[in-house]
PDB file of N, CA and C in Angstrom:
ATOM      1  N   MET A   1       0.750  -1.148   0.204  1.00  0.00           N
ATOM      2  CA  MET A   1       0.153  -0.017   0.046  1.00  0.00           C
ATOM      3  C   MET A   1       0.966   1.281   0.031  1.00  0.00           C
ATOM      4  N   ALA A   2       0.490   2.308  -0.839  1.00  0.00           N
ATOM      5  CA  ALA A   2       1.317   3.363  -0.863  1.00  0.00           C
ATOM      6  C   ALA A   2       0.205   4.646  -0.662  1.00  0.00           C
ATOM      7  N   LEU A   3       1.142   5.594  -0.443  1.00  0.00           N
ATOM      8  CA  LEU A   3       0.216   7.116  -0.269  1.00  0.00           C
ATOM      9  C   LEU A   3       0.223   7.628  -1.550  1.00  0.00           C
ATOM     10  N   TRP A   4      -0.925   8.140  -2.184  1.00  0.00           N
ATOM     11  CA  TRP A   4      -0.924   8.535  -3.690  1.00  0.00           C
ATOM     12  C   TRP A   4      -1.383   9.908  -3.642  1.00  0.00           C
ATOM     13  N   LEU A   5      -0.738  10.872  -4.269  1.00  0.00           N
ATOM     14  CA  LEU A   5      -1.262  12.322  -4.621  1.00  0.00           C
ATOM     15  C   LEU A   5      -2.056  12.297  -5.915  1.00  0.00           C
ATOM     16  N   ILE A   6      -3.222  12.633  -6.043  1.00  0.00           N
ATOM     17  CA  ILE A   6      -4.036  12.691  -7.068  1.00  0.00           C
ATOM     18  C   ILE A   6      -4.603  14.145  -7.223  1.00  0.00           C
ATOM     19  N   SER A   7      -4.401  14.694  -8.822  1.00  0.00           N
ATOM     20  CA  SER A   7      -5.035  15.825  -8.744  1.00  0.00           C
ATOM     21  C   SER A   7      -5.688  15.831 -10.084  1.00  0.00           C
ATOM     22  N   TYR A   8      -6.634  16.826 -10.398  1.00  0.00           N
ATOM     23  CA  TYR A   8      -7.479  16.745 -11.341  1.00  0.00           C
ATOM     24  C   TYR A   8      -7.699  18.158 -12.144  1.00  0.00           C
ATOM     25  N   ASP A   9      -7.997  18.498 -13.304  1.00  0.00           N
ATOM     26  CA  ASP A   9      -8.453  19.555 -14.052  1.00  0.00           C
ATOM     27  C   ASP A   9      -9.597  19.179 -14.669  1.00  0.00           C
ATOM     28  N   ILE A  10     -10.810  19.390 -14.371  1.00  0.00           N
ATOM     29  CA  ILE A  10     -12.024  18.878 -14.866  1.00  0.00           C
ATOM     30  C   ILE A  10     -12.928  20.287 -15.130  1.00  0.00           C
ATOM     31  N   SER A  11     -13.191  20.607 -16.465  1.00  0.00           N
ATOM     32  CA  SER A  11     -13.945  21.685 -16.862  1.00  0.00           C
ATOM     33  C   SER A  11     -15.408  21.715 -16.537  1.00  0.00           C
ATOM     34  N   ASP A  12     -15.976  20.490 -16.766  1.00  0.00           N
ATOM     35  CA  ASP A  12     -17.405  20.544 -16.471  1.00  0.00           C
ATOM     36  C   ASP A  12     -17.841  20.150 -14.893  1.00  0.00           C
ATOM     37  N   ASN A  13     -18.661  21.256 -14.216  1.00  0.00           N
ATOM     38  CA  ASN A  13     -19.167  21.038 -12.929  1.00  0.00           C
ATOM     39  C   ASN A  13     -19.610  19.826 -12.620  1.00  0.00           C
ATOM     40  N   ARG A  14     -20.434  19.193 -13.239  1.00  0.00           N
ATOM     41  CA  ARG A  14     -21.312  18.076 -12.930  1.00  0.00           C
ATOM     42  C   ARG A  14     -20.177  16.767 -12.791  1.00  0.00           C
ATOM     43  N   LEU A  15     -19.291  16.860 -13.889  1.00  0.00           N
ATOM     44  CA  LEU A  15     -18.238  15.829 -14.094  1.00  0.00           C
ATOM     45  C   LEU A  15     -16.958  15.839 -12.734  1.00  0.00           C
ATOM     46  N   ARG A  16     -16.853  17.037 -12.526  1.00  0.00           N
ATOM     47  CA  ARG A  16     -15.946  17.276 -11.487  1.00  0.00           C
ATOM     48  C   ARG A  16     -16.722  16.919  -9.934  1.00  0.00           C
ATOM     49  N   ARG A  17     -17.840  17.265  -9.854  1.00  0.00           N
ATOM     50  CA  ARG A  17     -18.387  16.647  -8.845  1.00  0.00           C
ATOM     51  C   ARG A  17     -18.566  15.125  -8.481  1.00  0.00           C
ATOM     52  N   GLU A  18     -18.744  14.579  -9.836  1.00  0.00           N
ATOM     53  CA  GLU A  18     -18.749  13.039  -9.796  1.00  0.00           C
ATOM     54  C   GLU A  18     -17.260  12.436  -9.689  1.00  0.00           C
ATOM     55  N   ALA A  19     -16.273  13.221 -10.044  1.00  0.00           N
ATOM     56  CA  ALA A  19     -14.986  12.958  -9.675  1.00  0.00           C
ATOM     57  C   ALA A  19     -14.393  12.716  -8.178  1.00  0.00           C
ATOM     58  N   VAL A  20     -15.020  13.949  -7.945  1.00  0.00           N
ATOM     59  CA  VAL A  20     -14.824  14.279  -6.289  1.00  0.00           C
ATOM     60  C   VAL A  20     -15.475  13.074  -5.671  1.00  0.00           C
ATOM     61  N   ARG A  21     -16.747  12.926  -5.642  1.00  0.00           N
ATOM     62  CA  ARG A  21     -17.499  11.734  -5.101  1.00  0.00           C
ATOM     63  C   ARG A  21     -16.745  10.486  -5.114  1.00  0.00           C
ATOM     64  N   ALA A  22     -16.258  10.227  -6.294  1.00  0.00           N
ATOM     65  CA  ALA A  22     -15.609   8.786  -6.491  1.00  0.00           C
ATOM     66  C   ALA A  22     -14.313   8.856  -5.794  1.00  0.00           C
ATOM     67  N   LEU A  23     -13.575   9.860  -5.758  1.00  0.00           N
ATOM     68  CA  LEU A  23     -12.355   9.865  -5.182  1.00  0.00           C
ATOM     69  C   LEU A  23     -12.482   9.824  -3.466  1.00  0.00           C
ATOM     70  N   ALA A  24     -13.541  10.573  -2.822  1.00  0.00           N
ATOM     71  CA  ALA A  24     -13.917  10.386  -1.604  1.00  0.00           C
ATOM     72  C   ALA A  24     -14.352   9.011  -1.229  1.00  0.00           C
ATOM     73  N   ASP A  25     -15.157   8.465  -1.866  1.00  0.00           N
ATOM     74  CA  ASP A  25     -15.868   7.171  -1.997  1.00  0.00           C
ATOM     75  C   ASP A  25     -14.742   6.138  -1.782  1.00  0.00           C
ATOM     76  N   ALA A  26     -13.697   6.352  -2.532  1.00  0.00           N
ATOM     77  CA  ALA A  26     -12.382   5.338  -2.625  1.00  0.00           C
ATOM     78  C   ALA A  26     -11.561   5.645  -1.485  1.00  0.00           C
ATOM     79  N   GLY A  27     -11.811   6.575  -0.676  1.00  0.00           N
ATOM     80  CA  GLY A  27     -11.013   6.911   0.652  1.00  0.00           C
ATOM     81  C   GLY A  27     -10.053   7.765   0.660  1.00  0.00           C
ATOM     82  N   ALA A  28     -10.081   8.687  -0.564  1.00  0.00           N
ATOM     83  CA  ALA A  28      -9.178   9.745  -0.786  1.00  0.00           C
ATOM     84  C   ALA A  28      -9.625  10.942   0.148  1.00  0.00           C
ATOM     85  N   VAL A  29      -8.644  11.781   0.356  1.00  0.00           N
ATOM     86  CA  VAL A  29      -8.823  13.042   1.370  1.00  0.00           C
ATOM     87  C   VAL A  29      -8.619  13.984   0.690  1.00  0.00           C
ATOM     88  N   ARG A  30      -9.424  15.239   0.472  1.00  0.00           N
ATOM     89  CA  ARG A  30      -8.956  16.385  -0.221  1.00  0.00           C
ATOM     90  C   ARG A  30      -7.992  17.059   0.736  1.00  0.00           C
ATOM     91  N   VAL A  31      -6.889  17.606  -0.082  1.00  0.00           N
ATOM     92  CA  VAL A  31      -5.938  18.428   0.711  1.00  0.00           C
ATOM     93  C   VAL A  31      -5.897  19.695   0.163  1.00  0.00           C
ATOM     94  N   GLN A  32      -6.297  19.934  -1.209  1.00  0.00           N
ATOM     95  CA  GLN A  32      -6.500  21.159  -1.833  1.00  0.00           C
ATOM     96  C   GLN A  32      -7.698  21.157  -2.785  1.00  0.00           C
ATOM     97  N   GLU A  33      -8.090  22.147  -3.429  1.00  0.00           N
ATOM     98  CA  GLU A  33      -9.278  22.403  -4.108  1.00  0.00           C
ATOM     99  C   GLU A  33      -9.564  20.937  -5.314  1.00  0.00           C
ATOM    100  N   SER A  34      -8.510  20.859  -5.828  1.00  0.00           N
ATOM    101  CA  SER A  34      -8.328  19.660  -6.953  1.00  0.00           C
ATOM    102  C   SER A  34      -7.121  18.841  -6.527  1.00  0.00           C
ATOM    103  N   VAL A  35      -6.806  18.521  -5.362  1.00  0.00           N
ATOM    104  CA  VAL A  35      -5.923  17.717  -5.184  1.00  0.00           C
ATOM    105  C   VAL A  35      -6.290  16.813  -3.856  1.00  0.00           C
ATOM    106  N   PHE A  36      -6.081  15.468  -3.962  1.00  0.00           N
ATOM    107  CA  PHE A  36      -6.313  14.351  -3.078  1.00  0.00           C
ATOM    108  C   PHE A  36      -5.230  13.786  -2.511  1.00  0.00           C
ATOM    109  N   GLU A  37      -5.259  12.995  -1.445  1.00  0.00           N
ATOM    110  CA  GLU A  37      -4.460  12.190  -1.053  1.00  0.00           C
ATOM    111  C   GLU A  37      -5.043  10.888  -0.569  1.00  0.00           C
ATOM    112  N   GLY A  38      -4.630   9.689  -0.946  1.00  0.00           N
ATOM    113  CA  GLY A  38      -5.004   8.396  -0.211  1.00  0.00           C
ATOM    114  C   GLY A  38      -4.038   7.221  -0.480  1.00  0.00           C
ATOM    115  N   TRP A  39      -4.433   6.395   0.600  1.00  0.00           N
ATOM    116  CA  TRP A  39      -3.649   5.047   0.632  1.00  0.00           C
ATOM    117  C   TRP A  39      -4.383   3.934  -0.249  1.00  0.00           C
ATOM    118  N   PHE A  40      -3.496   3.512  -1.277  1.00  0.00           N
ATOM    119  CA  PHE A  40      -4.072   2.619  -2.124  1.00  0.00           C
ATOM    120  C   PHE A  40      -3.036   1.499  -2.466  1.00  0.00           C
ATOM    121  N   ASP A  41      -3.462   0.232  -2.791  1.00  0.00           N
ATOM    122  CA  ASP A  41      -2.706  -0.802  -3.146  1.00  0.00           C
ATOM    123  C   ASP A  41      -2.777  -0.653  -4.787  1.00  0.00           C
ATOM    124  N   HIS A  42      -2.128  -1.373  -5.345  1.00  0.00           N
ATOM    125  CA  HIS A  42      -2.267  -1.669  -6.800  1.00  0.00           C
ATOM    126  C   HIS A  42      -3.486  -1.804  -7.441  1.00  0.00           C
ATOM    127  N   ARG A  43      -4.310  -2.699  -6.736  1.00  0.00           N
ATOM    128  CA  ARG A  43      -5.583  -3.064  -7.184  1.00  0.00           C
ATOM    129  C   ARG A  43      -6.571  -1.831  -7.142  1.00  0.00           C
ATOM    130  N   GLY A  44      -6.519  -1.229  -5.931  1.00  0.00           N
ATOM    131  CA  GLY A  44      -7.347  -0.020  -5.776  1.00  0.00           C
ATOM    132  C   GLY A  44      -7.032   1.143  -6.538  1.00  0.00           C
ATOM    133  N   ILE A  45      -5.915   1.370  -6.911  1.00  0.00           N
ATOM    134  CA  ILE A  45      -5.491   2.726  -7.669  1.00  0.00           C
ATOM    135  C   ILE A  45      -5.909   2.300  -9.135  1.00  0.00           C
ATOM    136  N   ALA A  46      -5.735   1.167  -9.648  1.00  0.00           N
ATOM    137  CA  ALA A  46      -6.041   0.836 -10.956  1.00  0.00           C
ATOM    138  C   ALA A  46      -7.717   0.946 -11.128  1.00  0.00           C
ATOM    139  N   ALA A  47      -8.477   0.519  -9.951  1.00  0.00           N
ATOM    140  CA  ALA A  47      -9.858   0.406 -10.126  1.00  0.00           C
ATOM    141  C   ALA A  47     -10.211   1.964 -10.123  1.00  0.00           C
ATOM    142  N   LEU A  48      -9.507   2.685  -9.061  1.00  0.00           N
ATOM    143  CA  LEU A  48      -9.977   4.300  -9.198  1.00  0.00           C
ATOM    144  C   LEU A  48      -9.708   4.896 -10.635  1.00  0.00           C
ATOM    145  N   ARG A  49      -8.710   4.696 -11.138  1.00  0.00           N
ATOM    146  CA  ARG A  49      -8.008   5.194 -12.542  1.00  0.00           C
ATOM    147  C   ARG A  49      -9.251   4.761 -13.623  1.00  0.00           C
ATOM    148  N   LEU A  50      -9.658   3.600 -13.483  1.00  0.00           N
ATOM    149  CA  LEU A  50     -10.653   3.202 -14.508  1.00  0.00           C
ATOM    150  C   LEU A  50     -12.104   4.184 -14.310  1.00  0.00           C
ATOM    151  N   GLU A  51     -12.309   4.257 -12.906  1.00  0.00           N
ATOM    152  CA  GLU A  51     -13.685   4.847 -12.706  1.00  0.00           C
ATOM    153  C   GLU A  51     -13.503   6.223 -12.992  1.00  0.00           C
ATOM    154  N   LEU A  52     -12.354   6.959 -12.702  1.00  0.00           N
ATOM    155  CA  LEU A  52     -12.276   8.275 -13.214  1.00  0.00           C
ATOM    156  C   LEU A  52     -12.261   8.655 -14.802  1.00  0.00           C
ATOM    157  N   ALA A  53     -11.440   7.481 -15.176  1.00  0.00           N
ATOM    158  CA  ALA A  53     -11.414   7.592 -16.867  1.00  0.00           C
ATOM    159  C   ALA A  53     -12.807   7.717 -17.507  1.00  0.00           C
ATOM    160  N   GLY A  54     -13.713   6.838 -16.903  1.00  0.00           N
ATOM    161  CA  GLY A  54     -14.909   6.749 -17.249  1.00  0.00           C
ATOM    162  C   GLY A  54     -15.902   8.061 -16.983  1.00  0.00           C
ATOM    163  N   ILE A  55     -15.436   8.913 -16.134  1.00  0.00           N
ATOM    164  CA  ILE A  55     -16.047  10.128 -15.724  1.00  0.00           C
ATOM    165  C   ILE A  55     -15.575  11.395 -16.454  1.00  0.00           C
ATOM    166  N   ILE A  56     -14.329  11.553 -16.720  1.00  0.00           N
ATOM    167  CA  ILE A  56     -13.964  12.780 -17.397  1.00  0.00           C
ATOM    168  C   ILE A  56     -13.958  12.724 -18.971  1.00  0.00           C
ATOM    169  N   ASP A  57     -14.103  13.729 -19.496  1.00  0.00           N
ATOM    170  CA  ASP A  57     -13.989  13.866 -20.865  1.00  0.00           C
ATOM    171  C   ASP A  57     -12.274  14.098 -21.347  1.00  0.00           C
ATOM    172  N   PRO A  58     -11.848  12.962 -21.636  1.00  0.00           N
ATOM    173  CA  PRO A  58     -10.367  12.982 -22.006  1.00  0.00           C
ATOM    174  C   PRO A  58      -9.911  14.059 -23.044  1.00  0.00           C
ATOM    175  N   ALA A  59     -10.843  14.773 -23.888  1.00  0.00           N
ATOM    176  CA  ALA A  59     -10.275  15.649 -24.878  1.00  0.00           C
ATOM    177  C   ALA A  59     -10.207  17.136 -24.127  1.00  0.00           C
ATOM    178  N   THR A  60     -10.745  17.315 -22.744  1.00  0.00           N
ATOM    179  CA  THR A  60     -10.609  18.604 -22.097  1.00  0.00           C
ATOM    180  C   THR A  60     -10.114  18.412 -20.788  1.00  0.00           C
ATOM    181  N   ASP A  61     -10.251  17.352 -19.971  1.00  0.00           N
ATOM    182  CA  ASP A  61      -9.952  17.042 -18.735  1.00  0.00           C
ATOM    183  C   ASP A  61      -8.729  16.235 -18.626  1.00  0.00           C
ATOM    184  N   SER A  62      -8.127  16.220 -17.290  1.00  0.00           N
ATOM    185  CA  SER A  62      -6.884  15.381 -17.100  1.00  0.00           C
ATOM    186  C   SER A  62      -7.047  14.826 -15.537  1.00  0.00           C
ATOM    187  N   VAL A  63      -6.718  13.894 -15.382  1.00  0.00           N
ATOM    188  CA  VAL A  63      -6.387  13.333 -13.796  1.00  0.00           C
ATOM    189  C   VAL A  63      -5.093  12.772 -13.744  1.00  0.00           C
ATOM    190  N   CYS A  64      -4.256  13.176 -12.819  1.00  0.00           N
ATOM    191  CA  CYS A  64      -2.892  12.761 -12.622  1.00  0.00           C
ATOM    192  C   CYS A  64      -2.752  12.092 -11.442  1.00  0.00           C
ATOM    193  N   ALA A  65      -2.008  10.841 -10.970  1.00  0.00           N
ATOM    194  CA  ALA A  65      -1.838  10.360  -9.746  1.00  0.00           C
ATOM    195  C   ALA A  65      -0.359   9.901  -9.729  1.00  0.00           C
ATOM    196  N   TRP A  66       0.392  10.401  -8.622  1.00  0.00           N
ATOM    197  CA  TRP A  66       1.688  10.002  -8.274  1.00  0.00           C
ATOM    198  C   TRP A  66       1.645   9.272  -7.030  1.00  0.00           C
ATOM    199  N   PRO A  67       2.486   7.990  -6.700  1.00  0.00           N
ATOM    200  CA  PRO A  67       2.587   7.464  -5.498  1.00  0.00           C
ATOM    201  C   PRO A  67       3.719   8.343  -4.867  1.00  0.00           C
ATOM    202  N   LEU A  68       3.762   8.388  -3.688  1.00  0.00           N
ATOM    203  CA  LEU A  68       4.736   9.200  -2.789  1.00  0.00           C
ATOM    204  C   LEU A  68       5.545   8.181  -2.055  1.00  0.00           C
ATOM    205  N   THR A  69       6.819   8.505  -2.074  1.00  0.00           N
ATOM    206  CA  THR A  69       7.606   7.515  -1.359  1.00  0.00           C
ATOM    207  C   THR A  69       7.626   8.122   0.184  1.00  0.00           C
ATOM    208  N   GLY A  70       8.440   7.315   0.838  1.00  0.00           N
ATOM    209  CA  GLY A  70       8.743   7.737   2.413  1.00  0.00           C
ATOM    210  C   GLY A  70       9.075   9.032   2.454  1.00  0.00           C
ATOM    211  N   GLN A  71      10.232   9.195   1.498  1.00  0.00           N
ATOM    212  CA  GLN A  71      11.037  10.571   1.713  1.00  0.00           C
ATOM    213  C   GLN A  71      10.054  11.773   1.288  1.00  0.00           C
ATOM    214  N   SER A  72       9.209  11.605   0.176  1.00  0.00           N
ATOM    215  CA  SER A  72       8.237  12.651  -0.079  1.00  0.00           C
ATOM    216  C   SER A  72       7.279  12.939   0.865  1.00  0.00           C
ATOM    217  N   VAL A  73       6.787  11.948   1.773  1.00  0.00           N
ATOM    218  CA  VAL A  73       5.916  12.226   2.651  1.00  0.00           C
ATOM    219  C   VAL A  73       6.606  13.077   3.872  1.00  0.00           C
ATOM    220  N   THR A  74       7.937  12.784   4.169  1.00  0.00           N
ATOM    221  CA  THR A  74       8.355  13.543   5.071  1.00  0.00           C
ATOM    222  C   THR A  74       8.918  14.836   4.865  1.00  0.00           C
ATOM    223  N   ARG A  75       8.902  15.086   3.581  1.00  0.00           N
ATOM    224  CA  ARG A  75       9.045  16.676   3.211  1.00  0.00           C
ATOM    225  C   ARG A  75       8.161  17.450   3.261  1.00  0.00           C
ATOM    226  N   ARG A  76       7.254  17.096   3.700  1.00  0.00           N
ATOM    227  CA  ARG A  76       5.878  17.996   3.875  1.00  0.00           C
ATOM    228  C   ARG A  76       6.272  19.062   4.861  1.00  0.00           C
ATOM    229  N   ILE A  77       5.769  20.391   4.553  1.00  0.00           N
ATOM    230  CA  ILE A  77       5.853  21.507   5.254  1.00  0.00           C
ATOM    231  C   ILE A  77       4.380  21.983   5.525  1.00  0.00           C
ATOM    232  N   GLY A  78       4.030  22.169   6.925  1.00  0.00           N
ATOM    233  CA  GLY A  78       2.890  22.913   7.159  1.00  0.00           C
ATOM    234  C   GLY A  78       1.919  21.920   8.016  1.00  0.00           C
ATOM    235  N   SER A  79       0.797  22.238   8.418  1.00  0.00           N
ATOM    236  CA  SER A  79       0.125  21.565   9.416  1.00  0.00           C
ATOM    237  C   SER A  79      -0.699  20.320   8.804  1.00  0.00           C
ATOM    238  N   SER A  80      -0.979  20.215   7.549  1.00  0.00           N
ATOM    239  CA  SER A  80      -1.527  19.060   6.970  1.00  0.00           C
ATOM    240  C   SER A  80      -1.010  17.635   7.111  1.00  0.00           C
ATOM    241  N   ALA A  81      -1.374  17.006   7.875  1.00  0.00           N
ATOM    242  CA  ALA A  81      -0.826  15.580   7.846  1.00  0.00           C
ATOM    243  C   ALA A  81      -1.192  14.717   6.848  1.00  0.00           C
ATOM    244  N   PRO A  82      -0.453  13.757   6.369  1.00  0.00           N
ATOM    245  CA  PRO A  82      -1.081  12.613   5.282  1.00  0.00           C
ATOM    246  C   PRO A  82      -2.278  12.065   5.951  1.00  0.00           C
ATOM    247  N   PRO A  83      -3.245  11.509   5.164  1.00  0.00           N
ATOM    248  CA  PRO A  83      -4.421  10.977   5.714  1.00  0.00           C
ATOM    249  C   PRO A  83      -3.993   9.518   6.361  1.00  0.00           C
ATOM    250  N   ALA A  84      -4.686   8.926   7.439  1.00  0.00           N
ATOM    251  CA  ALA A  84      -4.435   7.901   8.037  1.00  0.00           C
ATOM    252  C   ALA A  84      -4.339   6.775   7.237  1.00  0.00           C
ATOM    253  N   ARG A  85      -3.524   5.897   7.376  1.00  0.00           N
ATOM    254  CA  ARG A  85      -3.233   4.451   6.538  1.00  0.00           C
ATOM    255  C   ARG A  85      -4.456   3.669   6.983  1.00  0.00           C
ATOM    256  N   ALA A  86      -5.066   3.181   5.620  1.00  0.00           N
ATOM    257  CA  ALA A  86      -6.396   2.619   5.882  1.00  0.00           C
ATOM    258  C   ALA A  86      -5.955   1.189   6.530  1.00  0.00           C
ATOM    259  N   PRO A  87      -6.936   0.600   7.246  1.00  0.00           N
ATOM    260  CA  PRO A  87      -6.332  -0.982   7.743  1.00  0.00           C
ATOM    261  C   PRO A  87      -6.132  -1.791   6.641  1.00  0.00           C
ATOM    262  N   SER A  88      -5.271  -2.731   7.044  1.00  0.00           N
ATOM    263  CA  SER A  88      -4.918  -3.673   5.997  1.00  0.00           C
ATOM    264  C   SER A  88      -5.926  -4.910   6.303  1.00  0.00           C
ATOM    265  N   HIS A  89      -6.537  -5.065   7.386  1.00  0.00           N
ATOM    266  CA  HIS A  89      -7.416  -6.233   7.674  1.00  0.00           C
ATOM    267  C   HIS A  89      -8.570  -5.787   8.641  1.00  0.00           C
ATOM    268  N   TRP A  90      -9.649  -6.460   8.739  1.00  0.00           N
ATOM    269  CA  TRP A  90     -10.832  -6.189   9.893  1.00  0.00           C
ATOM    270  C   TRP A  90     -10.717  -7.613  10.808  1.00  0.00           C
ATOM    271  N   ILE A  91     -11.407  -6.990  11.948  1.00  0.00           N
ATOM    272  CA  ILE A  91     -11.539  -8.116  12.780  1.00  0.00           C
ATOM    273  C   ILE A  91     -12.936  -7.798  13.330  1.00  0.00           C
ATOM    274  N   VAL A  92     -13.822  -8.788  12.882  1.00  0.00           N
ATOM    275  CA  VAL A  92     -15.190  -8.671  13.139  1.00  0.00           C
ATOM    276  C   VAL A  92     -15.766  -9.645  14.161  1.00  0.00           C
TER     277      VAL A  92
END
């Protein structure tokens, strides 16, 4: 599991709201107006990528995602802490 930084540039308001909902539903946390962070494994980020690809208009919009390394996370300056890591298992 890795911490991913995801940003978007989506021109249509309705599509932007759908993308924001998809990101939030996937567990990503908004850190700026069009920037989210979230912990994803390979399968999770691939599923999110497919979902977002189905939402945006590729002729006018873009979504970018970058995995952050441990060094990237520790270089953060300011009060915003990375989102808590999602549990890797559940005990019910």
